[in-house]
Amino acid sequence: INMLYQIQKITIENERKLHIDYANGGSIVVDFNPIIETGGVLAKLADPEFFDRVSIGENGRYIQWPGEIEFCADSLWFQSHPSENKFQELKGQLLSEKT
């Protein structure tokens, strides 16, 4: 099983959302508004001109904005598909064995 997700294409949608197409044929839409609301360096994403500067990182492994803002392809995928996150499942099993 290839656990590495690769981003092939990103499309900017309105209201600070990105449509992300993956090499596995799947696609997701990520709403960045909740992320922007956390503030700090991520508040920059509220600026439409800055948001539009998003690009795909090396080997499609992340998306990025200028100034060290990056989101991992895997974590974005699993945020939209939590049931596919085998690491989370394993973590749950390990924790339940200890109790």
PDB file of N, CA and C in Angstrom:
ATOM      1  N   ILE A   1       0.859  -1.187   0.000  1.00  0.00           N
ATOM      2  CA  ILE A   1       0.000   0.000   0.000  1.00  0.00           C
ATOM      3  C   ILE A   1       0.892   1.234   0.000  1.00  0.00           C
ATOM      4  N   ASN A   2       0.639   2.137  -0.925  1.00  0.00           N
ATOM      5  CA  ASN A   2       1.372   3.387  -0.953  1.00  0.00           C
ATOM      6  C   ASN A   2       0.671   4.388  -0.047  1.00  0.00           C
ATOM      7  N   MET A   3       1.307   4.722   1.046  1.00  0.00           N
ATOM      8  CA  MET A   3       0.695   5.646   1.993  1.00  0.00           C
ATOM      9  C   MET A   3       1.020   7.101   1.665  1.00  0.00           C
ATOM     10  N   LEU A   4       1.790   7.332   0.617  1.00  0.00           N
ATOM     11  CA  LEU A   4       2.153   8.697   0.266  1.00  0.00           C
ATOM     12  C   LEU A   4       1.182   9.240  -0.780  1.00  0.00           C
ATOM     13  N   TYR A   5       0.539  10.311  -0.449  1.00  0.00           N
ATOM     14  CA  TYR A   5      -0.409  10.937  -1.372  1.00  0.00           C
ATOM     15  C   TYR A   5       0.295  12.047  -2.135  1.00  0.00           C
ATOM     16  N   GLN A   6       0.006  12.113  -3.432  1.00  0.00           N
ATOM     17  CA  GLN A   6       0.620  13.127  -4.283  1.00  0.00           C
ATOM     18  C   GLN A   6      -0.453  14.025  -4.875  1.00  0.00           C
ATOM     19  N   ILE A   7      -0.226  15.317  -4.753  1.00  0.00           N
ATOM     20  CA  ILE A   7      -1.133  16.305  -5.321  1.00  0.00           C
ATOM     21  C   ILE A   7      -0.730  16.554  -6.768  1.00  0.00           C
ATOM     22  N   GLN A   8      -1.727  16.480  -7.662  1.00  0.00           N
ATOM     23  CA  GLN A   8      -1.443  16.725  -9.078  1.00  0.00           C
ATOM     24  C   GLN A   8      -1.874  18.124  -9.512  1.00  0.00           C
ATOM     25  N   LYS A   9      -2.956  18.608  -8.921  1.00  0.00           N
ATOM     26  CA  LYS A   9      -3.507  19.881  -9.393  1.00  0.00           C
ATOM     27  C   LYS A   9      -4.258  20.557  -8.257  1.00  0.00           C
ATOM     28  N   ILE A  10      -4.142  21.881  -8.187  1.00  0.00           N
ATOM     29  CA  ILE A  10      -4.952  22.641  -7.245  1.00  0.00           C
ATOM     30  C   ILE A  10      -5.716  23.716  -8.009  1.00  0.00           C
ATOM     31  N   THR A  11      -6.962  23.877  -7.636  1.00  0.00           N
ATOM     32  CA  THR A  11      -7.814  24.898  -8.238  1.00  0.00           C
ATOM     33  C   THR A  11      -8.347  25.772  -7.117  1.00  0.00           C
ATOM     34  N   ILE A  12      -8.162  27.069  -7.254  1.00  0.00           N
ATOM     35  CA  ILE A  12      -8.648  27.992  -6.235  1.00  0.00           C
ATOM     36  C   ILE A  12     -10.135  28.219  -6.458  1.00  0.00           C
ATOM     37  N   GLU A  13     -10.905  27.982  -5.404  1.00  0.00           N
ATOM     38  CA  GLU A  13     -12.345  28.229  -5.447  1.00  0.00           C
ATOM     39  C   GLU A  13     -12.637  29.481  -4.629  1.00  0.00           C
ATOM     40  N   ASN A  14     -13.886  29.940  -4.659  1.00  0.00           N
ATOM     41  CA  ASN A  14     -14.200  31.160  -3.925  1.00  0.00           C
ATOM     42  C   ASN A  14     -14.212  30.910  -2.422  1.00  0.00           C
ATOM     43  N   GLU A  15     -14.185  31.996  -1.670  1.00  0.00           N
ATOM     44  CA  GLU A  15     -14.261  31.957  -0.208  1.00  0.00           C
ATOM     45  C   GLU A  15     -13.143  31.142   0.432  1.00  0.00           C
ATOM     46  N   ARG A  16     -11.935  31.294  -0.101  1.00  0.00           N
ATOM     47  CA  ARG A  16     -10.727  30.672   0.472  1.00  0.00           C
ATOM     48  C   ARG A  16     -10.823  29.155   0.595  1.00  0.00           C
ATOM     49  N   LYS A  17     -11.242  28.550  -0.500  1.00  0.00           N
ATOM     50  CA  LYS A  17     -11.285  27.089  -0.574  1.00  0.00           C
ATOM     51  C   LYS A  17     -10.402  26.636  -1.730  1.00  0.00           C
ATOM     52  N   LEU A  18      -9.814  25.450  -1.565  1.00  0.00           N
ATOM     53  CA  LEU A  18      -9.007  24.852  -2.634  1.00  0.00           C
ATOM     54  C   LEU A  18      -9.590  23.503  -3.010  1.00  0.00           C
ATOM     55  N   HIS A  19      -9.677  23.276  -4.312  1.00  0.00           N
ATOM     56  CA  HIS A  19     -10.025  21.952  -4.837  1.00  0.00           C
ATOM     57  C   HIS A  19      -8.693  21.296  -5.167  1.00  0.00           C
ATOM     58  N   ILE A  20      -8.439  20.145  -4.548  1.00  0.00           N
ATOM     59  CA  ILE A  20      -7.146  19.476  -4.700  1.00  0.00           C
ATOM     60  C   ILE A  20      -7.357  18.121  -5.364  1.00  0.00           C
ATOM     61  N   ASP A  21      -6.693  17.914  -6.502  1.00  0.00           N
ATOM     62  CA  ASP A  21      -6.750  16.635  -7.217  1.00  0.00           C
ATOM     63  C   ASP A  21      -5.484  15.841  -6.909  1.00  0.00           C
ATOM     64  N   TYR A  22      -5.683  14.567  -6.554  1.00  0.00           N
ATOM     65  CA  TYR A  22      -4.578  13.682  -6.185  1.00  0.00           C
ATOM     66  C   TYR A  22      -4.264  12.692  -7.305  1.00  0.00           C
ATOM     67  N   ALA A  23      -3.045  12.162  -7.265  1.00  0.00           N
ATOM     68  CA  ALA A  23      -2.592  11.193  -8.264  1.00  0.00           C
ATOM     69  C   ALA A  23      -3.393   9.889  -8.200  1.00  0.00           C
ATOM     70  N   ASN A  24      -4.017   9.596  -7.045  1.00  0.00           N
ATOM     71  CA  ASN A  24      -4.795   8.357  -6.904  1.00  0.00           C
ATOM     72  C   ASN A  24      -6.189   8.473  -7.528  1.00  0.00           C
ATOM     73  N   GLY A  25      -6.467   9.625  -8.151  1.00  0.00           N
ATOM     74  CA  GLY A  25      -7.762   9.829  -8.787  1.00  0.00           C
ATOM     75  C   GLY A  25      -8.779  10.504  -7.891  1.00  0.00           C
ATOM     76  N   GLY A  26      -8.463  10.617  -6.624  1.00  0.00           N
ATOM     77  CA  GLY A  26      -9.380  11.263  -5.682  1.00  0.00           C
ATOM     78  C   GLY A  26      -9.205  12.769  -5.683  1.00  0.00           C
ATOM     79  N   SER A  27     -10.193  13.452  -5.156  1.00  0.00           N
ATOM     80  CA  SER A  27     -10.069  14.895  -4.998  1.00  0.00           C
ATOM     81  C   SER A  27     -10.812  15.323  -3.736  1.00  0.00           C
ATOM     82  N   ILE A  28     -10.373  16.435  -3.184  1.00  0.00           N
ATOM     83  CA  ILE A  28     -10.986  16.985  -1.982  1.00  0.00           C
ATOM     84  C   ILE A  28     -11.152  18.487  -2.150  1.00  0.00           C
ATOM     85  N   VAL A  29     -12.009  19.070  -1.338  1.00  0.00           N
ATOM     86  CA  VAL A  29     -12.113  20.523  -1.240  1.00  0.00           C
ATOM     87  C   VAL A  29     -11.775  20.879   0.200  1.00  0.00           C
ATOM     88  N   VAL A  30     -10.817  21.770   0.364  1.00  0.00           N
ATOM     89  CA  VAL A  30     -10.394  22.182   1.702  1.00  0.00           C
ATOM     90  C   VAL A  30     -10.806  23.629   1.927  1.00  0.00           C
ATOM     91  N   ASP A  31     -11.557  23.845   3.007  1.00  0.00           N
ATOM     92  CA  ASP A  31     -11.970  25.183   3.414  1.00  0.00           C
ATOM     93  C   ASP A  31     -10.906  25.714   4.373  1.00  0.00           C
ATOM     94  N   PHE A  32     -10.215  26.770   3.978  1.00  0.00           N
ATOM     95  CA  PHE A  32      -9.143  27.313   4.812  1.00  0.00           C
ATOM     96  C   PHE A  32      -9.632  28.351   5.820  1.00  0.00           C
ATOM     97  N   ASN A  33     -10.920  28.672   5.821  1.00  0.00           N
ATOM     98  CA  ASN A  33     -11.424  29.671   6.758  1.00  0.00           C
ATOM     99  C   ASN A  33     -11.183  29.298   8.222  1.00  0.00           C
ATOM    100  N   PRO A  34     -11.479  28.053   8.654  1.00  0.00           N
ATOM    101  CA  PRO A  34     -11.193  27.709  10.052  1.00  0.00           C
ATOM    102  C   PRO A  34      -9.704  27.808  10.398  1.00  0.00           C
ATOM    103  N   ILE A  35      -8.851  27.497   9.425  1.00  0.00           N
ATOM    104  CA  ILE A  35      -7.404  27.577   9.623  1.00  0.00           C
ATOM    105  C   ILE A  35      -6.987  29.041   9.767  1.00  0.00           C
ATOM    106  N   ILE A  36      -7.551  29.908   8.931  1.00  0.00           N
ATOM    107  CA  ILE A  36      -7.242  31.338   8.974  1.00  0.00           C
ATOM    108  C   ILE A  36      -7.651  31.929  10.327  1.00  0.00           C
ATOM    109  N   GLU A  37      -8.775  31.461  10.852  1.00  0.00           N
ATOM    110  CA  GLU A  37      -9.285  31.992  12.122  1.00  0.00           C
ATOM    111  C   GLU A  37      -8.368  31.679  13.293  1.00  0.00           C
ATOM    112  N   THR A  38      -7.484  30.681  13.156  1.00  0.00           N
ATOM    113  CA  THR A  38      -6.554  30.389  14.241  1.00  0.00           C
ATOM    114  C   THR A  38      -5.529  31.504  14.398  1.00  0.00           C
ATOM    115  N   GLY A  39      -5.373  32.328  13.367  1.00  0.00           N
ATOM    116  CA  GLY A  39      -4.516  33.506  13.458  1.00  0.00           C
ATOM    117  C   GLY A  39      -3.050  33.208  13.235  1.00  0.00           C
ATOM    118  N   GLY A  40      -2.218  34.102  13.773  1.00  0.00           N
ATOM    119  CA  GLY A  40      -0.777  33.974  13.588  1.00  0.00           C
ATOM    120  C   GLY A  40      -0.382  34.122  12.129  1.00  0.00           C
ATOM    121  N   VAL A  41       0.638  33.386  11.727  1.00  0.00           N
ATOM    122  CA  VAL A  41       1.142  33.467  10.358  1.00  0.00           C
ATOM    123  C   VAL A  41       0.073  33.027   9.355  1.00  0.00           C
ATOM    124  N   LEU A  42      -0.850  32.155   9.771  1.00  0.00           N
ATOM    125  CA  LEU A  42      -1.883  31.650   8.860  1.00  0.00           C
ATOM    126  C   LEU A  42      -2.934  32.702   8.525  1.00  0.00           C
ATOM    127  N   ALA A  43      -2.988  33.782   9.302  1.00  0.00           N
ATOM    128  CA  ALA A  43      -3.942  34.866   9.021  1.00  0.00           C
ATOM    129  C   ALA A  43      -3.668  35.505   7.656  1.00  0.00           C
ATOM    130  N   LYS A  44      -2.429  35.393   7.171  1.00  0.00           N
ATOM    131  CA  LYS A  44      -2.078  35.935   5.845  1.00  0.00           C
ATOM    132  C   LYS A  44      -2.945  35.338   4.738  1.00  0.00           C
ATOM    133  N   LEU A  45      -3.410  34.093   4.953  1.00  0.00           N
ATOM    134  CA  LEU A  45      -4.200  33.413   3.928  1.00  0.00           C
ATOM    135  C   LEU A  45      -5.542  34.098   3.690  1.00  0.00           C
ATOM    136  N   ALA A  46      -5.943  34.997   4.571  1.00  0.00           N
ATOM    137  CA  ALA A  46      -7.195  35.734   4.398  1.00  0.00           C
ATOM    138  C   ALA A  46      -7.102  36.734   3.241  1.00  0.00           C
ATOM    139  N   ASP A  47      -5.893  37.153   2.904  1.00  0.00           N
ATOM    140  CA  ASP A  47      -5.682  38.098   1.808  1.00  0.00           C
ATOM    141  C   ASP A  47      -5.823  37.354   0.486  1.00  0.00           C
ATOM    142  N   PRO A  48      -6.851  37.707  -0.324  1.00  0.00           N
ATOM    143  CA  PRO A  48      -7.087  36.966  -1.578  1.00  0.00           C
ATOM    144  C   PRO A  48      -5.873  36.923  -2.507  1.00  0.00           C
ATOM    145  N   GLU A  49      -5.130  38.031  -2.596  1.00  0.00           N
ATOM    146  CA  GLU A  49      -3.951  38.043  -3.477  1.00  0.00           C
ATOM    147  C   GLU A  49      -2.899  37.068  -2.985  1.00  0.00           C
ATOM    148  N   PHE A  50      -2.712  36.996  -1.665  1.00  0.00           N
ATOM    149  CA  PHE A  50      -1.742  36.058  -1.100  1.00  0.00           C
ATOM    150  C   PHE A  50      -2.244  34.619  -1.263  1.00  0.00           C
ATOM    151  N   PHE A  51      -3.519  34.403  -0.990  1.00  0.00           N
ATOM    152  CA  PHE A  51      -4.098  33.062  -1.105  1.00  0.00           C
ATOM    153  C   PHE A  51      -3.910  32.504  -2.515  1.00  0.00           C
ATOM    154  N   ASP A  52      -4.056  33.381  -3.516  1.00  0.00           N
ATOM    155  CA  ASP A  52      -3.921  32.969  -4.915  1.00  0.00           C
ATOM    156  C   ASP A  52      -2.497  32.557  -5.291  1.00  0.00           C
ATOM    157  N   ARG A  53      -1.537  32.782  -4.408  1.00  0.00           N
ATOM    158  CA  ARG A  53      -0.140  32.440  -4.700  1.00  0.00           C
ATOM    159  C   ARG A  53       0.198  31.003  -4.279  1.00  0.00           C
ATOM    160  N   VAL A  54      -0.805  30.229  -3.953  1.00  0.00           N
ATOM    161  CA  VAL A  54      -0.585  28.831  -3.560  1.00  0.00           C
ATOM    162  C   VAL A  54       0.061  28.061  -4.714  1.00  0.00           C
ATOM    163  N   SER A  55       0.922  27.116  -4.366  1.00  0.00           N
ATOM    164  CA  SER A  55       1.544  26.274  -5.387  1.00  0.00           C
ATOM    165  C   SER A  55       1.760  24.872  -4.819  1.00  0.00           C
ATOM    166  N   ILE A  56       2.050  23.954  -5.716  1.00  0.00           N
ATOM    167  CA  ILE A  56       2.304  22.569  -5.322  1.00  0.00           C
ATOM    168  C   ILE A  56       3.789  22.418  -5.028  1.00  0.00           C
ATOM    169  N   GLY A  57       4.094  21.800  -3.888  1.00  0.00           N
ATOM    170  CA  GLY A  57       5.482  21.594  -3.481  1.00  0.00           C
ATOM    171  C   GLY A  57       6.124  20.406  -4.195  1.00  0.00           C
ATOM    172  N   GLU A  58       7.357  20.140  -3.826  1.00  0.00           N
ATOM    173  CA  GLU A  58       8.174  19.107  -4.451  1.00  0.00           C
ATOM    174  C   GLU A  58       7.473  17.748  -4.487  1.00  0.00           C
ATOM    175  N   ASN A  59       7.440  17.155  -5.668  1.00  0.00           N
ATOM    176  CA  ASN A  59       6.832  15.837  -5.896  1.00  0.00           C
ATOM    177  C   ASN A  59       5.361  15.764  -5.501  1.00  0.00           C
ATOM    178  N   GLY A  60       4.697  16.912  -5.433  1.00  0.00           N
ATOM    179  CA  GLY A  60       3.276  16.911  -5.084  1.00  0.00           C
ATOM    180  C   GLY A  60       3.005  16.513  -3.647  1.00  0.00           C
ATOM    181  N   ARG A  61       4.007  16.596  -2.783  1.00  0.00           N
ATOM    182  CA  ARG A  61       3.870  16.131  -1.407  1.00  0.00           C
ATOM    183  C   ARG A  61       3.252  17.166  -0.470  1.00  0.00           C
ATOM    184  N   TYR A  62       3.103  18.403  -0.934  1.00  0.00           N
ATOM    185  CA  TYR A  62       2.492  19.442  -0.098  1.00  0.00           C
ATOM    186  C   TYR A  62       2.049  20.610  -0.971  1.00  0.00           C
ATOM    187  N   ILE A  63       1.220  21.467  -0.372  1.00  0.00           N
ATOM    188  CA  ILE A  63       0.915  22.745  -1.009  1.00  0.00           C
ATOM    189  C   ILE A  63       1.615  23.803  -0.182  1.00  0.00           C
ATOM    190  N   GLN A  64       1.921  24.916  -0.820  1.00  0.00           N
ATOM    191  CA  GLN A  64       2.705  25.932  -0.121  1.00  0.00           C
ATOM    192  C   GLN A  64       2.322  27.337  -0.556  1.00  0.00           C
ATOM    193  N   TRP A  65       2.597  28.264   0.347  1.00  0.00           N
ATOM    194  CA  TRP A  65       2.512  29.687   0.064  1.00  0.00           C
ATOM    195  C   TRP A  65       3.858  30.291   0.416  1.00  0.00           C
ATOM    196  N   PRO A  66       4.202  31.435  -0.185  1.00  0.00           N
ATOM    197  CA  PRO A  66       5.475  32.075   0.149  1.00  0.00           C
ATOM    198  C   PRO A  66       5.563  32.349   1.657  1.00  0.00           C
ATOM    199  N   GLY A  67       6.730  32.140   2.224  1.00  0.00           N
ATOM    200  CA  GLY A  67       6.925  32.457   3.632  1.00  0.00           C
ATOM    201  C   GLY A  67       6.703  31.290   4.569  1.00  0.00           C
ATOM    202  N   GLU A  68       7.019  30.084   4.106  1.00  0.00           N
ATOM    203  CA  GLU A  68       7.030  28.903   4.982  1.00  0.00           C
ATOM    204  C   GLU A  68       5.658  28.401   5.418  1.00  0.00           C
ATOM    205  N   ILE A  69       4.615  28.709   4.681  1.00  0.00           N
ATOM    206  CA  ILE A  69       3.306  28.125   4.993  1.00  0.00           C
ATOM    207  C   ILE A  69       3.145  26.898   4.095  1.00  0.00           C
ATOM    208  N   GLU A  70       3.051  25.728   4.719  1.00  0.00           N
ATOM    209  CA  GLU A  70       2.936  24.471   3.970  1.00  0.00           C
ATOM    210  C   GLU A  70       1.906  23.569   4.630  1.00  0.00           C
ATOM    211  N   PHE A  71       1.220  22.794   3.800  1.00  0.00           N
ATOM    212  CA  PHE A  71       0.298  21.778   4.301  1.00  0.00           C
ATOM    213  C   PHE A  71       0.611  20.475   3.583  1.00  0.00           C
ATOM    214  N   CYS A  72       0.845  19.424   4.341  1.00  0.00           N
ATOM    215  CA  CYS A  72       1.219  18.115   3.824  1.00  0.00           C
ATOM    216  C   CYS A  72       0.063  17.476   3.049  1.00  0.00           C
ATOM    217  N   ALA A  73       0.376  16.863   1.919  1.00  0.00           N
ATOM    218  CA  ALA A  73      -0.635  16.191   1.084  1.00  0.00           C
ATOM    219  C   ALA A  73      -1.359  15.098   1.865  1.00  0.00           C
ATOM    220  N   ASP A  74      -0.619  14.332   2.667  1.00  0.00           N
ATOM    221  CA  ASP A  74      -1.227  13.245   3.446  1.00  0.00           C
ATOM    222  C   ASP A  74      -2.205  13.783   4.477  1.00  0.00           C
ATOM    223  N   SER A  75      -1.784  14.796   5.238  1.00  0.00           N
ATOM    224  CA  SER A  75      -2.667  15.294   6.294  1.00  0.00           C
ATOM    225  C   SER A  75      -3.922  15.938   5.721  1.00  0.00           C
ATOM    226  N   LEU A  76      -3.801  16.612   4.583  1.00  0.00           N
ATOM    227  CA  LEU A  76      -4.991  17.181   3.938  1.00  0.00           C
ATOM    228  C   LEU A  76      -5.950  16.068   3.506  1.00  0.00           C
ATOM    229  N   TRP A  77      -5.396  14.987   2.938  1.00  0.00           N
ATOM    230  CA  TRP A  77      -6.216  13.854   2.503  1.00  0.00           C
ATOM    231  C   TRP A  77      -6.937  13.223   3.692  1.00  0.00           C
ATOM    232  N   PHE A  78      -6.184  12.934   4.758  1.00  0.00           N
ATOM    233  CA  PHE A  78      -6.774  12.244   5.911  1.00  0.00           C
ATOM    234  C   PHE A  78      -7.769  13.111   6.670  1.00  0.00           C
ATOM    235  N   GLN A  79      -7.594  14.415   6.586  1.00  0.00           N
ATOM    236  CA  GLN A  79      -8.568  15.311   7.217  1.00  0.00           C
ATOM    237  C   GLN A  79      -9.933  15.138   6.540  1.00  0.00           C
ATOM    238  N   SER A  80      -9.910  14.875   5.237  1.00  0.00           N
ATOM    239  CA  SER A  80     -11.153  14.667   4.492  1.00  0.00           C
ATOM    240  C   SER A  80     -11.604  13.209   4.479  1.00  0.00           C
ATOM    241  N   HIS A  81     -10.690  12.285   4.766  1.00  0.00           N
ATOM    242  CA  HIS A  81     -10.978  10.841   4.758  1.00  0.00           C
ATOM    243  C   HIS A  81     -10.453  10.201   6.046  1.00  0.00           C
ATOM    244  N   PRO A  82     -10.994  10.581   7.208  1.00  0.00           N
ATOM    245  CA  PRO A  82     -10.428  10.067   8.468  1.00  0.00           C
ATOM    246  C   PRO A  82     -10.455   8.551   8.596  1.00  0.00           C
ATOM    247  N   SER A  83     -11.411   7.891   7.958  1.00  0.00           N
ATOM    248  CA  SER A  83     -11.505   6.431   8.085  1.00  0.00           C
ATOM    249  C   SER A  83     -10.359   5.719   7.367  1.00  0.00           C
ATOM    250  N   GLU A  84      -9.666   6.421   6.459  1.00  0.00           N
ATOM    251  CA  GLU A  84      -8.558   5.808   5.723  1.00  0.00           C
ATOM    252  C   GLU A  84      -7.219   5.967   6.434  1.00  0.00           C
ATOM    253  N   ASN A  85      -7.217   6.674   7.554  1.00  0.00           N
ATOM    254  CA  ASN A  85      -5.968   6.945   8.255  1.00  0.00           C
ATOM    255  C   ASN A  85      -5.588   5.756   9.125  1.00  0.00           C
ATOM    256  N   LYS A  86      -4.788   4.859   8.570  1.00  0.00           N
ATOM    257  CA  LYS A  86      -4.375   3.640   9.282  1.00  0.00           C
ATOM    258  C   LYS A  86      -3.501   3.971  10.488  1.00  0.00           C
ATOM    259  N   PHE A  87      -2.771   5.091  10.417  1.00  0.00           N
ATOM    260  CA  PHE A  87      -1.930   5.478  11.548  1.00  0.00           C
ATOM    261  C   PHE A  87      -2.795   5.830  12.750  1.00  0.00           C
ATOM    262  N   GLN A  88      -3.893   6.513  12.519  1.00  0.00           N
ATOM    263  CA  GLN A  88      -4.804   6.876  13.597  1.00  0.00           C
ATOM    264  C   GLN A  88      -5.414   5.613  14.200  1.00  0.00           C
ATOM    265  N   GLU A  89      -5.779   4.676  13.336  1.00  0.00           N
ATOM    266  CA  GLU A  89      -6.355   3.407  13.772  1.00  0.00           C
ATOM    267  C   GLU A  89      -5.350   2.653  14.648  1.00  0.00           C
ATOM    268  N   LEU A  90      -4.106   2.605  14.199  1.00  0.00           N
ATOM    269  CA  LEU A  90      -3.055   1.917  14.930  1.00  0.00           C
ATOM    270  C   LEU A  90      -2.826   2.591  16.286  1.00  0.00           C
ATOM    271  N   LYS A  91      -2.810   3.909  16.287  1.00  0.00           N
ATOM    272  CA  LYS A  91      -2.623   4.666  17.523  1.00  0.00           C
ATOM    273  C   LYS A  91      -3.733   4.314  18.514  1.00  0.00           C
ATOM    274  N   GLY A  92      -4.953   4.224  18.034  1.00  0.00           N
ATOM    275  CA  GLY A  92      -6.086   3.860  18.874  1.00  0.00           C
ATOM    276  C   GLY A  92      -5.930   2.464  19.468  1.00  0.00           C
ATOM    277  N   GLN A  93      -5.448   1.525  18.650  1.00  0.00           N
ATOM    278  CA  GLN A  93      -5.239   0.147  19.120  1.00  0.00           C
ATOM    279  C   GLN A  93      -4.151   0.097  20.180  1.00  0.00           C
ATOM    280  N   LEU A  94      -3.078   0.843  19.952  1.00  0.00           N
ATOM    281  CA  LEU A  94      -1.977   0.844  20.911  1.00  0.00           C
ATOM    282  C   LEU A  94      -2.418   1.449  22.242  1.00  0.00           C
ATOM    283  N   LEU A  95      -3.209   2.495  22.175  1.00  0.00           N
ATOM    284  CA  LEU A  95      -3.686   3.125  23.405  1.00  0.00           C
ATOM    285  C   LEU A  95      -4.641   2.219  24.152  1.00  0.00           C
ATOM    286  N   SER A  96      -5.513   1.538  23.440  1.00  0.00           N
ATOM    287  CA  SER A  96      -6.488   0.704  24.116  1.00  0.00           C
ATOM    288  C   SER A  96      -5.833  -0.539  24.753  1.00  0.00           C
ATOM    289  N   GLU A  97      -4.708  -0.995  24.187  1.00  0.00           N
ATOM    290  CA  GLU A  97      -4.003  -2.134  24.763  1.00  0.00           C
ATOM    291  C   GLU A  97      -3.352  -1.779  26.091  1.00  0.00           C
ATOM    292  N   LYS A  98      -2.967  -0.524  26.257  1.00  0.00           N
ATOM    293  CA  LYS A  98      -2.284  -0.094  27.474  1.00  0.00           C
ATOM    294  C   LYS A  98      -3.241   0.059  28.651  1.00  0.00           C
ATOM    295  N   THR A  99      -4.518   0.305  28.384  1.00  0.00           N
ATOM    296  CA  THR A  99      -5.459   0.581  29.470  1.00  0.00           C
ATOM    297  C   THR A  99      -6.043  -0.673  30.072  1.00  0.00           C
TER     298      THR A  99
END
